[in-house]
């Protein structure tokens, strides 16, 4: 059974930081590209950051220079370090895993991030 379990969300003031974690089980982690997506109320889900199985990263323009995605293959975990948070970052953040050959993909249940004073 595949599971992606996110944690680390919460309420933070503008300018603050949060670190999200996603622990994967039931998949061969090193064969999956890992991504963080977010969905704000009334909006479509959007890609925030992606890290390939080889460690190449890609970011949405809105978060470049402030967010950092990383992975620890030994712990089957992907992280999203979010700094200088803005209110528009408020959303549910989802972890995604996509097999690099089969393109099979899986989603976590999401973790709420709220940026507000």
N, C-alpha and C. Protein backbone atom coordinates (compact mmCIF):
# COMPACT_ATOMS: atom_id res chain seq x y z
N UNK A 1 0.84 -1.19 0.00
CA UNK A 1 0.00 0.00 0.00
C UNK A 1 0.88 1.24 0.00
N UNK A 2 0.63 2.12 -0.96
CA UNK A 2 1.41 3.33 -1.08
C UNK A 2 0.85 4.41 -0.15
N UNK A 3 1.74 5.05 0.58
CA UNK A 3 1.33 6.18 1.42
C UNK A 3 2.34 7.31 1.30
N UNK A 4 1.82 8.49 1.17
CA UNK A 4 2.62 9.71 1.25
C UNK A 4 2.02 10.52 2.40
N UNK A 5 2.81 10.75 3.44
CA UNK A 5 2.30 11.41 4.63
C UNK A 5 3.04 12.72 4.84
N UNK A 6 2.30 13.81 4.68
CA UNK A 6 2.86 15.15 4.87
C UNK A 6 2.74 15.59 6.32
N UNK A 7 3.66 16.45 6.72
CA UNK A 7 3.60 17.06 8.04
C UNK A 7 4.34 18.40 7.98
N UNK A 8 4.15 19.19 9.03
CA UNK A 8 4.88 20.45 9.13
C UNK A 8 4.09 21.70 8.82
N UNK A 9 2.85 21.53 8.39
CA UNK A 9 2.04 22.70 8.12
C UNK A 9 1.60 23.39 9.41
N UNK A 10 0.98 24.55 9.25
CA UNK A 10 0.50 25.27 10.42
C UNK A 10 0.28 26.73 10.11
N UNK A 11 0.13 27.50 11.17
CA UNK A 11 -0.09 28.95 11.07
C UNK A 11 1.23 29.66 11.32
N UNK A 12 1.56 30.58 10.43
CA UNK A 12 2.80 31.34 10.57
C UNK A 12 2.55 32.78 10.15
N UNK A 13 3.28 33.69 10.75
CA UNK A 13 3.12 35.10 10.39
C UNK A 13 3.85 35.40 9.08
N UNK A 14 3.41 36.42 8.38
CA UNK A 14 4.13 36.83 7.16
C UNK A 14 5.61 37.08 7.48
N UNK A 15 6.47 36.60 6.58
CA UNK A 15 7.90 36.69 6.79
C UNK A 15 8.50 35.51 7.53
N UNK A 16 7.65 34.65 8.05
CA UNK A 16 8.11 33.50 8.80
C UNK A 16 8.49 32.33 7.91
N UNK A 17 8.85 31.23 8.57
CA UNK A 17 9.31 30.04 7.85
C UNK A 17 8.57 28.79 8.34
N UNK A 18 8.48 27.83 7.45
CA UNK A 18 7.97 26.51 7.78
C UNK A 18 8.75 25.48 6.98
N UNK A 19 8.84 24.29 7.52
CA UNK A 19 9.46 23.18 6.79
C UNK A 19 8.46 22.04 6.72
N UNK A 20 8.08 21.71 5.50
CA UNK A 20 7.20 20.59 5.28
C UNK A 20 8.01 19.32 5.02
N UNK A 21 7.46 18.20 5.48
CA UNK A 21 8.08 16.90 5.23
C UNK A 21 7.04 15.97 4.62
N UNK A 22 7.51 15.05 3.81
CA UNK A 22 6.63 14.03 3.23
C UNK A 22 7.39 12.71 3.26
N UNK A 23 6.85 11.78 4.01
CA UNK A 23 7.45 10.45 4.11
C UNK A 23 6.67 9.48 3.23
N UNK A 24 7.39 8.81 2.35
CA UNK A 24 6.77 7.88 1.42
C UNK A 24 7.01 6.44 1.87
N UNK A 25 6.00 5.61 1.68
CA UNK A 25 6.14 4.18 1.93
C UNK A 25 5.39 3.43 0.83
N UNK A 26 5.84 2.21 0.57
CA UNK A 26 5.17 1.39 -0.43
C UNK A 26 5.62 1.64 -1.85
N UNK A 27 6.62 2.52 -2.03
CA UNK A 27 7.18 2.79 -3.36
C UNK A 27 8.70 2.69 -3.29
N UNK A 28 9.30 2.48 -4.47
CA UNK A 28 10.76 2.55 -4.56
C UNK A 28 11.11 4.01 -4.74
N UNK A 29 11.42 4.65 -3.62
CA UNK A 29 11.53 6.11 -3.56
C UNK A 29 12.52 6.65 -4.59
N UNK A 30 13.65 6.01 -4.75
CA UNK A 30 14.70 6.54 -5.62
C UNK A 30 14.31 6.50 -7.10
N UNK A 31 13.22 5.84 -7.43
CA UNK A 31 12.74 5.78 -8.80
C UNK A 31 11.60 6.76 -9.06
N UNK A 32 11.38 7.68 -8.13
CA UNK A 32 10.29 8.64 -8.26
C UNK A 32 10.80 10.07 -8.21
N UNK A 33 10.31 10.88 -9.13
CA UNK A 33 10.42 12.32 -8.99
C UNK A 33 9.42 12.74 -7.92
N UNK A 34 9.81 13.71 -7.09
CA UNK A 34 8.95 14.14 -6.00
C UNK A 34 8.61 15.62 -6.15
N UNK A 35 7.37 15.94 -5.87
CA UNK A 35 6.95 17.32 -6.02
C UNK A 35 6.07 17.79 -4.88
N UNK A 36 6.06 19.08 -4.70
CA UNK A 36 5.12 19.74 -3.79
C UNK A 36 4.19 20.61 -4.64
N UNK A 37 2.91 20.44 -4.41
CA UNK A 37 1.88 21.23 -5.05
C UNK A 37 1.07 21.93 -3.97
N UNK A 38 0.34 22.95 -4.37
CA UNK A 38 -0.55 23.60 -3.41
C UNK A 38 -1.85 23.99 -4.09
N UNK A 39 -2.88 24.06 -3.27
CA UNK A 39 -4.19 24.47 -3.77
C UNK A 39 -4.82 25.43 -2.77
N UNK A 40 -5.02 26.65 -3.21
CA UNK A 40 -5.68 27.65 -2.39
C UNK A 40 -7.19 27.58 -2.66
N UNK A 41 -7.99 28.08 -1.72
CA UNK A 41 -9.44 28.05 -1.90
C UNK A 41 -9.86 28.73 -3.20
N UNK A 42 -10.65 28.03 -3.98
CA UNK A 42 -11.15 28.59 -5.22
C UNK A 42 -10.18 28.60 -6.37
N UNK A 43 -9.01 28.00 -6.16
CA UNK A 43 -7.99 28.00 -7.22
C UNK A 43 -7.61 26.58 -7.59
N UNK A 44 -6.96 26.46 -8.74
CA UNK A 44 -6.50 25.15 -9.17
C UNK A 44 -5.22 24.76 -8.44
N UNK A 45 -5.00 23.48 -8.36
CA UNK A 45 -3.76 23.00 -7.78
C UNK A 45 -2.60 23.39 -8.69
N UNK A 46 -1.51 23.86 -8.08
CA UNK A 46 -0.36 24.31 -8.86
C UNK A 46 0.92 23.70 -8.31
N UNK A 47 1.88 23.53 -9.23
CA UNK A 47 3.19 23.03 -8.83
C UNK A 47 3.95 24.12 -8.09
N UNK A 48 4.52 23.75 -6.96
CA UNK A 48 5.36 24.67 -6.18
C UNK A 48 6.83 24.37 -6.45
N UNK A 49 7.20 23.10 -6.31
CA UNK A 49 8.60 22.71 -6.49
C UNK A 49 8.67 21.23 -6.84
N UNK A 50 9.72 20.90 -7.59
CA UNK A 50 9.90 19.52 -8.02
C UNK A 50 11.37 19.16 -7.86
N UNK A 51 11.62 17.92 -7.46
CA UNK A 51 12.99 17.41 -7.43
C UNK A 51 12.98 16.04 -8.11
N UNK A 52 13.81 15.89 -9.11
CA UNK A 52 13.85 14.63 -9.84
C UNK A 52 14.56 13.56 -9.01
N UNK A 53 14.50 12.34 -9.48
CA UNK A 53 15.18 11.27 -8.74
C UNK A 53 16.69 11.47 -8.78
N UNK A 54 17.15 12.28 -9.73
CA UNK A 54 18.57 12.59 -9.80
C UNK A 54 18.97 13.84 -9.06
N UNK A 55 17.99 14.51 -8.44
CA UNK A 55 18.30 15.67 -7.63
C UNK A 55 18.18 17.01 -8.32
N UNK A 56 17.69 17.02 -9.56
CA UNK A 56 17.49 18.29 -10.26
C UNK A 56 16.21 18.94 -9.75
N UNK A 57 16.28 20.23 -9.49
CA UNK A 57 15.13 20.93 -8.90
C UNK A 57 14.53 21.94 -9.87
N UNK A 58 13.25 22.23 -9.64
CA UNK A 58 12.54 23.21 -10.44
C UNK A 58 11.52 23.87 -9.53
N UNK A 59 11.35 25.19 -9.71
CA UNK A 59 10.46 25.93 -8.81
C UNK A 59 9.50 26.81 -9.60
N UNK A 60 8.34 27.02 -9.01
CA UNK A 60 7.44 28.03 -9.55
C UNK A 60 8.10 29.40 -9.38
N UNK A 61 7.88 30.28 -10.33
CA UNK A 61 8.50 31.60 -10.28
C UNK A 61 8.17 32.33 -8.98
N UNK A 62 6.98 32.11 -8.47
CA UNK A 62 6.52 32.84 -7.28
C UNK A 62 7.27 32.46 -6.02
N UNK A 63 8.00 31.34 -6.03
CA UNK A 63 8.68 30.90 -4.81
C UNK A 63 10.20 30.83 -4.97
N UNK A 64 10.69 31.10 -6.17
CA UNK A 64 12.14 31.02 -6.41
C UNK A 64 12.90 31.95 -5.45
N UNK A 65 13.95 31.41 -4.87
CA UNK A 65 14.77 32.19 -3.95
C UNK A 65 14.29 32.17 -2.52
N UNK A 66 13.07 31.66 -2.30
CA UNK A 66 12.53 31.63 -0.94
C UNK A 66 12.23 30.20 -0.47
N UNK A 67 11.88 29.31 -1.39
CA UNK A 67 11.58 27.93 -1.04
C UNK A 67 12.71 27.03 -1.55
N UNK A 68 12.97 25.95 -0.80
CA UNK A 68 13.97 24.97 -1.21
C UNK A 68 13.41 23.57 -1.04
N UNK A 69 13.46 22.80 -2.10
CA UNK A 69 13.04 21.40 -2.04
C UNK A 69 14.29 20.53 -1.95
N UNK A 70 14.19 19.47 -1.14
CA UNK A 70 15.30 18.54 -1.01
C UNK A 70 14.74 17.16 -0.72
N UNK A 71 15.59 16.15 -0.86
CA UNK A 71 15.14 14.79 -0.61
C UNK A 71 16.24 14.01 0.09
N UNK A 72 15.80 13.04 0.88
CA UNK A 72 16.71 12.12 1.56
C UNK A 72 16.26 10.71 1.17
N UNK A 73 16.96 10.13 0.22
CA UNK A 73 16.55 8.81 -0.28
C UNK A 73 16.67 7.73 0.79
N UNK A 74 17.57 7.92 1.74
CA UNK A 74 17.72 6.95 2.81
C UNK A 74 16.55 6.94 3.77
N UNK A 75 15.84 8.08 3.83
CA UNK A 75 14.69 8.19 4.72
C UNK A 75 13.37 8.22 3.97
N UNK A 76 13.42 8.05 2.65
CA UNK A 76 12.20 8.10 1.82
C UNK A 76 11.40 9.37 2.09
N UNK A 77 12.10 10.48 2.18
CA UNK A 77 11.48 11.74 2.60
C UNK A 77 11.88 12.87 1.66
N UNK A 78 10.88 13.70 1.37
CA UNK A 78 11.12 14.93 0.63
C UNK A 78 10.70 16.10 1.53
N UNK A 79 11.46 17.18 1.43
CA UNK A 79 11.23 18.35 2.28
C UNK A 79 10.95 19.58 1.42
N UNK A 80 10.25 20.52 2.02
CA UNK A 80 10.08 21.83 1.41
C UNK A 80 10.32 22.87 2.50
N UNK A 81 11.46 23.53 2.39
CA UNK A 81 11.77 24.63 3.31
C UNK A 81 11.20 25.91 2.72
N UNK A 82 10.33 26.56 3.47
CA UNK A 82 9.65 27.76 2.99
C UNK A 82 10.05 28.93 3.87
N UNK A 83 10.71 29.90 3.28
CA UNK A 83 11.15 31.10 4.00
C UNK A 83 10.45 32.33 3.45
N UNK A 84 10.47 33.39 4.23
CA UNK A 84 9.87 34.67 3.82
C UNK A 84 8.45 34.45 3.29
N UNK A 85 7.68 33.76 4.07
CA UNK A 85 6.33 33.40 3.63
C UNK A 85 5.43 34.62 3.50
N UNK A 86 4.59 34.57 2.49
CA UNK A 86 3.64 35.64 2.20
C UNK A 86 2.21 35.12 2.38
N UNK A 87 1.27 35.99 2.64
CA UNK A 87 -0.12 35.53 2.81
C UNK A 87 -0.65 34.72 1.62
N UNK A 88 -0.17 35.06 0.43
CA UNK A 88 -0.65 34.33 -0.76
C UNK A 88 -0.14 32.89 -0.83
N UNK A 89 0.72 32.51 0.07
CA UNK A 89 1.17 31.12 0.17
C UNK A 89 0.17 30.25 0.92
N UNK A 90 -0.84 30.86 1.49
CA UNK A 90 -1.86 30.11 2.22
C UNK A 90 -2.56 29.13 1.29
N UNK A 91 -2.50 27.85 1.64
CA UNK A 91 -3.05 26.80 0.79
C UNK A 91 -2.89 25.45 1.48
N UNK A 92 -3.50 24.45 0.90
CA UNK A 92 -3.19 23.08 1.29
C UNK A 92 -2.04 22.61 0.40
N UNK A 93 -1.01 22.09 1.03
CA UNK A 93 0.18 21.64 0.31
C UNK A 93 0.17 20.12 0.20
N UNK A 94 0.36 19.65 -1.02
CA UNK A 94 0.31 18.22 -1.29
C UNK A 94 1.65 17.70 -1.79
N UNK A 95 1.99 16.53 -1.33
CA UNK A 95 3.17 15.82 -1.80
C UNK A 95 2.77 14.92 -2.97
N UNK A 96 3.64 14.85 -3.97
CA UNK A 96 3.37 14.02 -5.14
C UNK A 96 4.59 13.18 -5.46
N UNK A 97 4.35 11.95 -5.84
CA UNK A 97 5.42 11.05 -6.28
C UNK A 97 5.07 10.53 -7.67
N UNK A 98 6.01 10.61 -8.59
CA UNK A 98 5.76 10.13 -9.96
C UNK A 98 6.92 9.25 -10.41
N UNK A 99 6.59 8.01 -10.80
CA UNK A 99 7.61 7.07 -11.23
C UNK A 99 8.28 7.59 -12.50
N UNK A 100 9.58 7.52 -12.56
CA UNK A 100 10.32 8.14 -13.66
C UNK A 100 10.16 7.41 -14.98
N UNK A 101 9.74 6.13 -14.93
CA UNK A 101 9.57 5.37 -16.18
C UNK A 101 8.09 5.11 -16.44
N UNK A 102 7.37 4.65 -15.44
CA UNK A 102 5.98 4.24 -15.62
C UNK A 102 5.01 5.42 -15.57
N UNK A 103 5.44 6.55 -15.01
CA UNK A 103 4.60 7.74 -14.83
C UNK A 103 3.44 7.52 -13.88
N UNK A 104 3.44 6.42 -13.17
CA UNK A 104 2.45 6.21 -12.11
C UNK A 104 2.67 7.29 -11.06
N UNK A 105 1.57 7.88 -10.58
CA UNK A 105 1.77 8.90 -9.57
C UNK A 105 0.83 8.74 -8.38
N UNK A 106 1.28 9.28 -7.27
CA UNK A 106 0.57 9.17 -6.00
C UNK A 106 0.56 10.53 -5.32
N UNK A 107 -0.49 10.72 -4.48
CA UNK A 107 -0.65 11.98 -3.76
C UNK A 107 -0.79 11.73 -2.27
N UNK A 108 -0.29 12.67 -1.50
CA UNK A 108 -0.56 12.66 -0.08
C UNK A 108 -1.90 13.30 0.21
N UNK A 109 -2.24 13.35 1.50
CA UNK A 109 -3.55 13.87 1.91
C UNK A 109 -3.55 15.38 2.06
N UNK A 110 -2.38 15.98 2.08
CA UNK A 110 -2.27 17.43 2.18
C UNK A 110 -2.06 17.92 3.59
N UNK A 111 -1.39 19.06 3.69
CA UNK A 111 -1.19 19.72 4.98
C UNK A 111 -1.47 21.21 4.79
N UNK A 112 -2.20 21.78 5.72
CA UNK A 112 -2.62 23.18 5.60
C UNK A 112 -1.50 24.11 6.04
N UNK A 113 -1.24 25.10 5.21
CA UNK A 113 -0.32 26.19 5.55
C UNK A 113 -1.12 27.48 5.51
N UNK A 114 -1.09 28.21 6.61
CA UNK A 114 -1.79 29.49 6.69
C UNK A 114 -0.80 30.57 7.09
N UNK A 115 -0.70 31.59 6.26
CA UNK A 115 0.20 32.70 6.53
C UNK A 115 -0.66 33.93 6.82
N UNK A 116 -0.64 34.33 8.08
CA UNK A 116 -1.51 35.41 8.51
C UNK A 116 -0.98 36.04 9.78
N UNK A 117 -1.23 37.33 9.93
CA UNK A 117 -0.86 38.01 11.16
C UNK A 117 -2.03 38.03 12.12
